[in-house]
Amino acid sequence: MENKSQRKLTWILFIIYVFVLVWIILLKMQFTLKGLPHLRGVNLIPFAGSVIINGKMDFDEIINNVLIFIPFGLYICMLKSNWSFLKKIVPIALTSLALEILQFIFAVGATDITDLIGNTLGGVIGCLIYMVFYKLLKDITNKVLNILACIGTIGVIAFLGLLIIVNL
């Protein structure tokens, strides 16, 4: 069974994750507002905006969108374990939609349906990973995932600290 301190740790890790997510998606990993692109566009055709390189579609951006939202799915499952699978997908998709709309409003990127699909898919994959962990680990699932999330968060913070030092 999960205790209060473990749940609090999960919330803290989730909040750190959301800050990093916003920094990556909205602030484009920039340390000043001057470095932000002034781009405003909308693509409502799935996968139409993916870059074609040497006559082939480049899937890097799609894969990155999926990967960056996998933790979101894990955290939703950890924090809202009593919700149905479909109910867990709603905040993932809505967060992705909100970030896409904010990119348009602040003119810091293209609002792209492909990003929404990739982000939501990443969250779904995160939920599925949680389900596998739960089948294997039962009641210690959140404890194990919190340990892994702490290691990952420390790694990300160290990497970001390195980026800050390099960009001074």
Protein backbone atom coordinates (compact mmCIF):
# COMPACT_ATOMS: atom_id res chain seq x y z
CA MET A 1 0.00 0.00 0.00
CA GLU A 2 1.17 3.49 -0.78
CA ASN A 3 1.93 5.88 2.09
CA LYS A 4 1.54 9.67 2.19
CA SER A 5 5.25 10.47 1.82
CA GLN A 6 5.48 8.23 -1.25
CA ARG A 7 2.43 9.93 -2.78
CA LYS A 8 3.91 13.35 -1.98
CA LEU A 9 7.15 12.32 -3.71
CA THR A 10 5.17 11.24 -6.77
CA TRP A 11 3.46 14.65 -6.90
CA ILE A 12 6.78 16.48 -6.53
CA LEU A 13 8.35 14.40 -9.32
CA PHE A 14 5.28 14.98 -11.51
CA ILE A 15 5.46 18.76 -10.98
CA ILE A 16 9.18 18.75 -11.88
CA TYR A 17 8.33 16.71 -14.98
CA VAL A 18 5.62 19.20 -16.00
CA PHE A 19 8.04 22.13 -15.60
CA VAL A 20 10.60 20.37 -17.80
CA LEU A 21 7.87 19.46 -20.30
CA VAL A 22 6.76 23.09 -20.57
CA TRP A 23 10.38 24.26 -20.86
CA ILE A 24 11.01 21.84 -23.71
CA ILE A 25 7.75 22.33 -25.62
CA LEU A 26 6.95 26.01 -25.06
CA LEU A 27 10.34 27.51 -24.32
CA LYS A 28 12.20 25.26 -26.79
CA MET A 29 14.91 24.62 -24.18
CA GLN A 30 15.90 28.30 -24.31
CA PHE A 31 17.18 30.16 -21.29
CA THR A 32 16.01 33.58 -22.51
CA LEU A 33 12.92 34.73 -24.37
CA LYS A 34 15.17 36.23 -27.06
CA GLY A 35 16.13 32.77 -28.26
CA LEU A 36 12.54 31.71 -28.93
CA PRO A 37 11.39 31.36 -32.52
CA HIS A 38 8.56 33.58 -33.73
CA LEU A 39 6.58 30.96 -35.56
CA ARG A 40 2.84 30.56 -35.73
CA GLY A 41 1.25 27.90 -37.85
CA VAL A 42 -1.45 25.26 -37.76
CA ASN A 43 -1.34 21.80 -39.30
CA LEU A 44 -4.55 19.80 -39.06
CA ILE A 45 -3.48 17.02 -41.43
CA PRO A 46 -1.87 14.15 -39.50
CA PHE A 47 1.77 13.50 -40.40
CA ALA A 48 1.71 16.13 -43.18
CA GLY A 49 4.12 18.39 -41.33
CA SER A 50 6.75 15.70 -40.79
CA VAL A 51 9.96 16.59 -42.53
CA ILE A 52 10.83 14.78 -45.73
CA ILE A 53 14.58 14.08 -45.94
CA ASN A 54 15.99 12.44 -49.08
CA GLY A 55 12.48 11.48 -50.16
CA LYS A 56 11.68 9.74 -46.86
CA MET A 57 9.65 10.90 -43.90
CA ASP A 58 11.77 11.76 -40.84
CA PHE A 59 10.15 10.20 -37.79
CA ASP A 60 12.50 11.79 -35.22
CA GLU A 61 10.07 14.51 -34.13
CA ILE A 62 7.19 12.03 -33.88
CA ILE A 63 9.31 9.62 -31.82
CA ASN A 64 10.48 12.46 -29.55
CA ASN A 65 6.85 13.54 -28.99
CA VAL A 66 5.92 9.99 -28.03
CA LEU A 67 8.92 9.60 -25.71
CA ILE A 68 8.45 12.90 -23.87
CA PHE A 69 4.86 12.00 -22.89
CA ILE A 70 5.53 8.43 -21.66
CA PRO A 71 6.28 9.72 -18.13
CA PHE A 72 2.97 11.63 -18.18
CA GLY A 73 1.12 8.34 -18.60
CA LEU A 74 3.15 6.73 -15.82
CA TYR A 75 2.49 9.62 -13.42
CA ILE A 76 -1.25 9.73 -14.20
CA CYS A 77 -1.48 6.01 -13.42
CA MET A 78 0.50 6.44 -10.21
CA LEU A 79 -1.54 9.42 -9.03
CA LYS A 80 -4.98 8.38 -10.25
CA SER A 81 -4.90 4.58 -10.03
CA ASN A 82 -8.65 4.43 -9.34
CA TRP A 83 -9.49 6.12 -12.68
CA SER A 84 -10.46 4.05 -15.70
CA PHE A 85 -7.96 3.71 -18.55
CA LEU A 86 -9.96 6.08 -20.77
CA LYS A 87 -10.31 8.66 -18.00
CA LYS A 88 -6.51 8.64 -17.59
CA ILE A 89 -6.05 9.42 -21.30
CA VAL A 90 -8.20 12.58 -21.10
CA PRO A 91 -5.73 14.74 -19.07
CA ILE A 92 -2.87 13.52 -21.27
CA ALA A 93 -4.65 14.55 -24.47
CA LEU A 94 -5.92 17.82 -22.94
CA THR A 95 -2.45 18.76 -21.70
CA SER A 96 -1.02 18.09 -25.14
CA LEU A 97 -3.80 20.14 -26.74
CA ALA A 98 -3.22 23.00 -24.28
CA LEU A 99 0.50 23.03 -25.06
CA GLU A 100 -0.21 23.06 -28.81
CA ILE A 101 -2.66 25.95 -28.40
CA LEU A 102 -0.19 27.87 -26.21
CA GLN A 103 2.48 27.44 -28.89
CA PHE A 104 0.11 29.13 -31.34
CA ILE A 105 -0.94 31.90 -28.93
CA PHE A 106 2.65 32.79 -28.01
CA ALA A 107 3.93 32.19 -31.58
CA VAL A 108 6.64 29.82 -30.38
CA GLY A 109 5.89 26.90 -32.66
CA ALA A 110 3.49 25.27 -35.02
CA THR A 111 0.28 23.81 -33.66
CA ASP A 112 0.35 20.35 -35.17
CA ILE A 113 -2.17 17.51 -34.99
CA THR A 114 0.74 15.09 -35.43
CA ASP A 115 2.22 16.37 -32.16
CA LEU A 116 -1.12 15.89 -30.42
CA ILE A 117 -1.34 12.32 -31.72
CA GLY A 118 2.28 11.53 -30.79
CA ASN A 119 2.01 13.08 -27.33
CA THR A 120 -1.23 11.24 -26.57
CA LEU A 121 0.24 7.98 -27.87
CA GLY A 122 3.22 8.50 -25.56
CA GLY A 123 0.88 8.93 -22.60
CA VAL A 124 -1.03 5.78 -23.57
CA ILE A 125 2.27 3.87 -23.80
CA GLY A 126 3.16 5.20 -20.34
CA CYS A 127 -0.16 3.85 -19.01
CA LEU A 128 0.49 0.48 -20.64
CA ILE A 129 4.00 0.36 -19.15
CA TYR A 130 2.48 1.08 -15.74
CA MET A 131 0.01 -1.79 -16.23
CA VAL A 132 2.88 -4.18 -17.02
CA PHE A 133 4.83 -2.97 -13.97
CA TYR A 134 1.71 -3.43 -11.83
CA LYS A 135 1.18 -6.99 -13.09
CA LEU A 136 4.77 -7.81 -12.15
CA LEU A 137 5.24 -5.80 -8.95
CA LYS A 138 1.72 -5.35 -7.52
CA ASP A 139 1.78 -3.15 -4.38
CA ILE A 140 5.40 -2.01 -4.76
CA THR A 141 4.86 -0.64 -8.28
CA ASN A 142 4.71 3.03 -7.26
CA LYS A 143 7.70 2.65 -4.93
CA VAL A 144 9.82 1.15 -7.72
CA LEU A 145 8.63 3.74 -10.25
CA ASN A 146 9.34 6.57 -7.77
CA ILE A 147 12.90 5.28 -7.36
CA LEU A 148 13.34 5.12 -11.15
CA ALA A 149 11.73 8.57 -11.51
CA CYS A 150 14.09 10.01 -8.88
CA ILE A 151 17.09 8.62 -10.76
CA GLY A 152 15.71 9.97 -14.05
CA THR A 153 14.89 13.37 -12.53
CA ILE A 154 18.37 13.70 -11.03
CA GLY A 155 19.82 12.80 -14.43
CA VAL A 156 17.66 15.38 -16.22
CA ILE A 157 18.47 18.09 -13.66
CA ALA A 158 22.19 17.30 -13.97
CA PHE A 159 21.91 17.49 -17.76
CA LEU A 160 20.02 20.79 -17.57
CA GLY A 161 22.60 22.14 -15.14
CA LEU A 162 25.30 21.20 -17.63
CA LEU A 163 23.37 22.97 -20.40
CA ILE A 164 23.09 26.09 -18.27
CA ILE A 165 26.82 26.07 -17.49
CA VAL A 166 27.74 25.55 -21.15
CA ASN A 167 25.43 28.38 -22.24
CA LEU A 168 26.64 30.97 -19.71
